[in-house]
C-alpha cells in the first residue's frame, strides 16, 4: 500500500509536467503551421524562431503555475474515486488549459490562440497525463476477474 502511494505521488506530478509540455508543444505546432506559408529570408526565420521560442517559454512560465491549481483538483478527484477513463483526463486537461487562458488579459504580448487551439492543447496534455499516470489512478488495485467458467460450481459434462 505504501509503495503504491509513493508511486502515485511520483507519477501524478510527472504526468502533469509531461502533459503541460505536450500541450505547449501542441500550441507551438499550431502556431508554426500558420507561419509555414510565409516566405522569409533565413535571417528573418531565425529571428522569428527565436521569438516563438521566447514566447513559448514565457507562456509556459506564466501559465503552468496557473494550470496547476485546476490540475491538482482534477488529479485529486481522479485519485480519490479511481477514475481511470481517458475521456475524464482529456476533458480535465481541456478545462485545466482553458481556465488560465480565459483569465489572460486581451492585450497580452505573444501569440494569441483561439479557444479551440487551447482546448486542443489541453486535450493532448490530458491524454499524455492519462498515459503516464491516469490509467492507474487511485490507491485501489483493479479487481481481478475470475476466468470464465470459474464461478460455475457444477462439474463439466
C-alpha atoms as a PDB file:
ATOM      1  CA  UNK A   1       0.000   0.000   0.000  1.00  0.00           C
ATOM      2  CA  UNK A   2       2.826   2.440   0.851  1.00  0.00           C
ATOM      3  CA  UNK A   3       4.702   1.570  -2.323  1.00  0.00           C
ATOM      4  CA  UNK A   4       1.576   2.239  -4.390  1.00  0.00           C
ATOM      5  CA  UNK A   5       1.058   5.575  -2.604  1.00  0.00           C
ATOM      6  CA  UNK A   6       4.669   6.586  -3.259  1.00  0.00           C
ATOM      7  CA  UNK A   7       4.292   5.588  -6.898  1.00  0.00           C
ATOM      8  CA  UNK A   8       1.124   7.672  -7.241  1.00  0.00           C
ATOM      9  CA  UNK A   9       2.859  10.660  -5.584  1.00  0.00           C
ATOM     10  CA  UNK A  10       5.666  10.426  -8.156  1.00  0.00           C
ATOM     11  CA  UNK A  11       3.626   9.661 -11.272  1.00  0.00           C
ATOM     12  CA  UNK A  12       0.993  12.384 -10.874  1.00  0.00           C
ATOM     13  CA  UNK A  13       3.418  15.349 -10.937  1.00  0.00           C
ATOM     14  CA  UNK A  14       5.408  13.678 -13.708  1.00  0.00           C
ATOM     15  CA  UNK A  15       2.191  13.290 -15.691  1.00  0.00           C
ATOM     16  CA  UNK A  16       1.357  16.971 -15.141  1.00  0.00           C
ATOM     17  CA  UNK A  17       4.775  18.146 -16.314  1.00  0.00           C
ATOM     18  CA  UNK A  18       4.766  15.908 -19.388  1.00  0.00           C
ATOM     19  CA  UNK A  19       1.158  16.853 -20.164  1.00  0.00           C
ATOM     20  CA  UNK A  20       1.930  20.562 -19.867  1.00  0.00           C
ATOM     21  CA  UNK A  21       4.950  20.166 -22.155  1.00  0.00           C
ATOM     22  CA  UNK A  22       2.845  18.250 -24.671  1.00  0.00           C
ATOM     23  CA  UNK A  23       0.147  20.931 -24.533  1.00  0.00           C
ATOM     24  CA  UNK A  24       2.626  23.755 -25.067  1.00  0.00           C
ATOM     25  CA  UNK A  25       4.196  21.710 -27.854  1.00  0.00           C
ATOM     26  CA  UNK A  26       0.778  21.409 -29.462  1.00  0.00           C
ATOM     27  CA  UNK A  27       0.344  25.191 -29.303  1.00  0.00           C
ATOM     28  CA  UNK A  28       3.798  25.645 -30.811  1.00  0.00           C
ATOM     29  CA  UNK A  29       2.885  23.253 -33.619  1.00  0.00           C
ATOM     30  CA  UNK A  30      -0.375  25.099 -34.236  1.00  0.00           C
ATOM     31  CA  UNK A  31       1.397  28.459 -34.382  1.00  0.00           C
ATOM     32  CA  UNK A  32       4.182  27.127 -36.626  1.00  0.00           C
ATOM     33  CA  UNK A  33       1.665  25.809 -39.149  1.00  0.00           C
ATOM     34  CA  UNK A  34       0.410  29.349 -39.725  1.00  0.00           C
ATOM     35  CA  UNK A  35       3.985  30.532 -40.382  1.00  0.00           C
ATOM     36  CA  UNK A  36       4.776  27.832 -42.952  1.00  0.00           C
ATOM     37  CA  UNK A  37       3.097  29.717 -45.783  1.00  0.00           C
ATOM     38  CA  UNK A  38       5.128  32.878 -45.212  1.00  0.00           C
ATOM     39  CA  UNK A  39       8.248  33.266 -47.316  1.00  0.00           C
ATOM     40  CA  UNK A  40      11.202  34.607 -45.361  1.00  0.00           C
ATOM     41  CA  UNK A  41      14.892  35.103 -45.791  1.00  0.00           C
ATOM     42  CA  UNK A  42      16.981  32.963 -43.401  1.00  0.00           C
ATOM     43  CA  UNK A  43      17.721  35.846 -41.023  1.00  0.00           C
ATOM     44  CA  UNK A  44      14.007  36.615 -40.617  1.00  0.00           C
ATOM     45  CA  UNK A  45      13.246  32.959 -40.000  1.00  0.00           C
ATOM     46  CA  UNK A  46      15.949  32.833 -37.318  1.00  0.00           C
ATOM     47  CA  UNK A  47      14.569  35.903 -35.550  1.00  0.00           C
ATOM     48  CA  UNK A  48      11.003  34.591 -35.812  1.00  0.00           C
ATOM     49  CA  UNK A  49      12.091  31.216 -34.422  1.00  0.00           C
ATOM     50  CA  UNK A  50      13.786  32.946 -31.512  1.00  0.00           C
ATOM     51  CA  UNK A  51      10.651  34.994 -30.834  1.00  0.00           C
ATOM     52  CA  UNK A  52       8.454  31.876 -30.891  1.00  0.00           C
ATOM     53  CA  UNK A  53      10.832  30.121 -28.506  1.00  0.00           C
ATOM     54  CA  UNK A  54      10.912  33.078 -26.127  1.00  0.00           C
ATOM     55  CA  UNK A  55       7.120  33.395 -26.294  1.00  0.00           C
ATOM     56  CA  UNK A  56       6.641  29.678 -25.661  1.00  0.00           C
ATOM     57  CA  UNK A  57       8.939  29.756 -22.632  1.00  0.00           C
ATOM     58  CA  UNK A  58       7.206  32.883 -21.323  1.00  0.00           C
ATOM     59  CA  UNK A  59       3.785  31.320 -21.825  1.00  0.00           C
ATOM     60  CA  UNK A  60       4.913  28.138 -20.071  1.00  0.00           C
ATOM     61  CA  UNK A  61       6.344  30.040 -17.103  1.00  0.00           C
ATOM     62  CA  UNK A  62       3.244  32.209 -16.799  1.00  0.00           C
ATOM     63  CA  UNK A  63       0.509  29.670 -17.405  1.00  0.00           C
ATOM     64  CA  UNK A  64       1.907  26.425 -15.950  1.00  0.00           C
ATOM     65  CA  UNK A  65       1.536  27.660 -12.347  1.00  0.00           C
ATOM     66  CA  UNK A  66      -1.994  28.882 -13.150  1.00  0.00           C
ATOM     67  CA  UNK A  67      -2.843  25.481 -14.605  1.00  0.00           C
ATOM     68  CA  UNK A  68      -1.524  23.697 -11.532  1.00  0.00           C
ATOM     69  CA  UNK A  69      -4.480  24.523  -9.271  1.00  0.00           C
ATOM     70  CA  UNK A  70      -7.241  23.099 -11.507  1.00  0.00           C
ATOM     71  CA  UNK A  71      -4.960  20.200 -12.456  1.00  0.00           C
ATOM     72  CA  UNK A  72      -4.397  19.321  -8.803  1.00  0.00           C
ATOM     73  CA  UNK A  73      -8.150  19.327  -8.188  1.00  0.00           C
ATOM     74  CA  UNK A  74      -8.760  17.112 -11.244  1.00  0.00           C
ATOM     75  CA  UNK A  75      -5.988  14.697 -10.246  1.00  0.00           C
ATOM     76  CA  UNK A  76      -7.231  14.510  -6.647  1.00  0.00           C
ATOM     77  CA  UNK A  77     -10.744  13.688  -7.870  1.00  0.00           C
ATOM     78  CA  UNK A  78      -9.343  11.004 -10.179  1.00  0.00           C
ATOM     79  CA  UNK A  79      -7.197   9.560  -7.401  1.00  0.00           C
ATOM     80  CA  UNK A  80      -9.965   9.639  -4.765  1.00  0.00           C
ATOM     81  CA  UNK A  81     -12.542   7.953  -6.984  1.00  0.00           C
ATOM     82  CA  UNK A  82     -10.082   5.804  -9.005  1.00  0.00           C
ATOM     83  CA  UNK A  83     -11.201   7.390 -12.265  1.00  0.00           C
ATOM     84  CA  UNK A  84      -9.115   5.772 -14.986  1.00  0.00           C
ATOM     85  CA  UNK A  85     -11.090   6.917 -18.013  1.00  0.00           C
ATOM     86  CA  UNK A  86      -9.150   8.611 -20.811  1.00  0.00           C
ATOM     87  CA  UNK A  87     -12.192  10.794 -21.505  1.00  0.00           C
ATOM     88  CA  UNK A  88     -12.164  12.180 -17.964  1.00  0.00           C
ATOM     89  CA  UNK A  89      -8.489  13.071 -18.244  1.00  0.00           C
ATOM     90  CA  UNK A  90      -8.950  14.609 -21.719  1.00  0.00           C
ATOM     91  CA  UNK A  91     -11.833  16.798 -20.511  1.00  0.00           C
ATOM     92  CA  UNK A  92      -9.947  17.699 -17.326  1.00  0.00           C
ATOM     93  CA  UNK A  93      -6.939  18.673 -19.453  1.00  0.00           C
ATOM     94  CA  UNK A  94      -9.117  20.889 -21.649  1.00  0.00           C
ATOM     95  CA  UNK A  95     -10.647  22.623 -18.635  1.00  0.00           C
ATOM     96  CA  UNK A  96      -7.239  22.955 -16.989  1.00  0.00           C
ATOM     97  CA  UNK A  97      -5.847  24.671 -20.094  1.00  0.00           C
ATOM     98  CA  UNK A  98      -8.898  26.819 -20.743  1.00  0.00           C
ATOM     99  CA  UNK A  99      -9.185  28.345 -17.261  1.00  0.00           C
ATOM    100  CA  UNK A 100      -5.913  30.322 -17.195  1.00  0.00           C
ATOM    101  CA  UNK A 101      -6.285  31.217 -20.892  1.00  0.00           C
ATOM    102  CA  UNK A 102      -9.694  32.746 -20.182  1.00  0.00           C
ATOM    103  CA  UNK A 103      -8.176  34.852 -17.379  1.00  0.00           C
ATOM    104  CA  UNK A 104      -5.414  36.321 -19.581  1.00  0.00           C
ATOM    105  CA  UNK A 105      -5.863  39.992 -20.488  1.00  0.00           C
ATOM    106  CA  UNK A 106      -6.732  40.667 -24.123  1.00  0.00           C
ATOM    107  CA  UNK A 107      -3.648  42.823 -24.749  1.00  0.00           C
ATOM    108  CA  UNK A 108      -1.043  40.300 -23.568  1.00  0.00           C
ATOM    109  CA  UNK A 109       2.032  40.128 -25.788  1.00  0.00           C
ATOM    110  CA  UNK A 110       2.787  36.892 -27.524  1.00  0.00           C
ATOM    111  CA  UNK A 111       0.855  34.511 -29.705  1.00  0.00           C
ATOM    112  CA  UNK A 112      -2.885  34.716 -29.342  1.00  0.00           C
ATOM    113  CA  UNK A 113      -4.614  31.386 -29.657  1.00  0.00           C
ATOM    114  CA  UNK A 114      -8.283  30.704 -30.147  1.00  0.00           C
ATOM    115  CA  UNK A 115     -10.274  28.773 -27.572  1.00  0.00           C
ATOM    116  CA  UNK A 116     -10.287  25.766 -29.913  1.00  0.00           C
ATOM    117  CA  UNK A 117      -6.476  25.806 -30.040  1.00  0.00           C
ATOM    118  CA  UNK A 118      -6.246  25.946 -26.253  1.00  0.00           C
ATOM    119  CA  UNK A 119      -8.821  23.176 -25.826  1.00  0.00           C
ATOM    120  CA  UNK A 120      -6.912  21.005 -28.326  1.00  0.00           C
ATOM    121  CA  UNK A 121      -3.686  21.585 -26.407  1.00  0.00           C
ATOM    122  CA  UNK A 122      -5.469  20.754 -23.143  1.00  0.00           C
ATOM    123  CA  UNK A 123      -6.881  17.533 -24.548  1.00  0.00           C
ATOM    124  CA  UNK A 124      -3.405  16.492 -25.733  1.00  0.00           C
ATOM    125  CA  UNK A 125      -1.969  17.348 -22.303  1.00  0.00           C
ATOM    126  CA  UNK A 126      -4.736  15.437 -20.543  1.00  0.00           C
ATOM    127  CA  UNK A 127      -4.176  12.375 -22.700  1.00  0.00           C
ATOM    128  CA  UNK A 128      -0.440  12.464 -22.051  1.00  0.00           C
ATOM    129  CA  UNK A 129      -1.152  12.665 -18.317  1.00  0.00           C
ATOM    130  CA  UNK A 130      -3.549   9.737 -18.667  1.00  0.00           C
ATOM    131  CA  UNK A 131      -0.880   7.676 -20.445  1.00  0.00           C
ATOM    132  CA  UNK A 132       1.650   8.356 -17.690  1.00  0.00           C
ATOM    133  CA  UNK A 133      -0.417   8.482 -14.512  1.00  0.00           C
ATOM    134  CA  UNK A 134      -4.148   8.405 -15.196  1.00  0.00           C
ATOM    135  CA  UNK A 135      -4.512   4.791 -16.274  1.00  0.00           C
ATOM    136  CA  UNK A 136      -3.620   3.686 -12.755  1.00  0.00           C
ATOM    137  CA  UNK A 137      -5.436   6.397 -10.783  1.00  0.00           C
ATOM    138  CA  UNK A 138      -6.417   5.592  -7.239  1.00  0.00           C
ATOM    139  CA  UNK A 139      -4.918   3.535  -4.483  1.00  0.00           C
ATOM    140  CA  UNK A 140      -7.317   0.647  -5.025  1.00  0.00           C
ATOM    141  CA  UNK A 141      -5.962  -2.010  -7.331  1.00  0.00           C
ATOM    142  CA  UNK A 142      -8.276  -3.260 -10.048  1.00  0.00           C
ATOM    143  CA  UNK A 143     -10.220  -6.353  -9.131  1.00  0.00           C
ATOM    144  CA  UNK A 144      -9.003  -9.417 -10.948  1.00  0.00           C
ATOM    145  CA  UNK A 145     -11.876 -11.069 -12.804  1.00  0.00           C
ATOM    146  CA  UNK A 146     -12.116 -14.827 -12.383  1.00  0.00           C
ATOM    147  CA  UNK A 147     -11.579 -16.803 -15.584  1.00  0.00           C
ATOM    148  CA  UNK A 148     -14.755 -17.591 -17.488  1.00  0.00           C
ATOM    149  CA  UNK A 149     -16.469 -20.650 -16.076  1.00  0.00           C
ATOM    150  CA  UNK A 150     -14.523 -20.442 -12.798  1.00  0.00           C
ATOM    151  CA  UNK A 151     -17.572 -19.238 -10.875  1.00  0.00           C
ATOM    152  CA  UNK A 152     -19.684 -22.192 -12.121  1.00  0.00           C
ATOM    153  CA  UNK A 153     -19.587 -24.804  -9.333  1.00  0.00           C
ATOM    154  CA  UNK A 154     -21.010 -27.607 -11.489  1.00  0.00           C
ATOM    155  CA  UNK A 155     -18.510 -30.042 -12.994  1.00  0.00           C
ATOM    156  CA  UNK A 156     -18.096 -30.038 -16.784  1.00  0.00           C
ATOM    157  CA  UNK A 157     -20.177 -32.618 -18.686  1.00  0.00           C
END
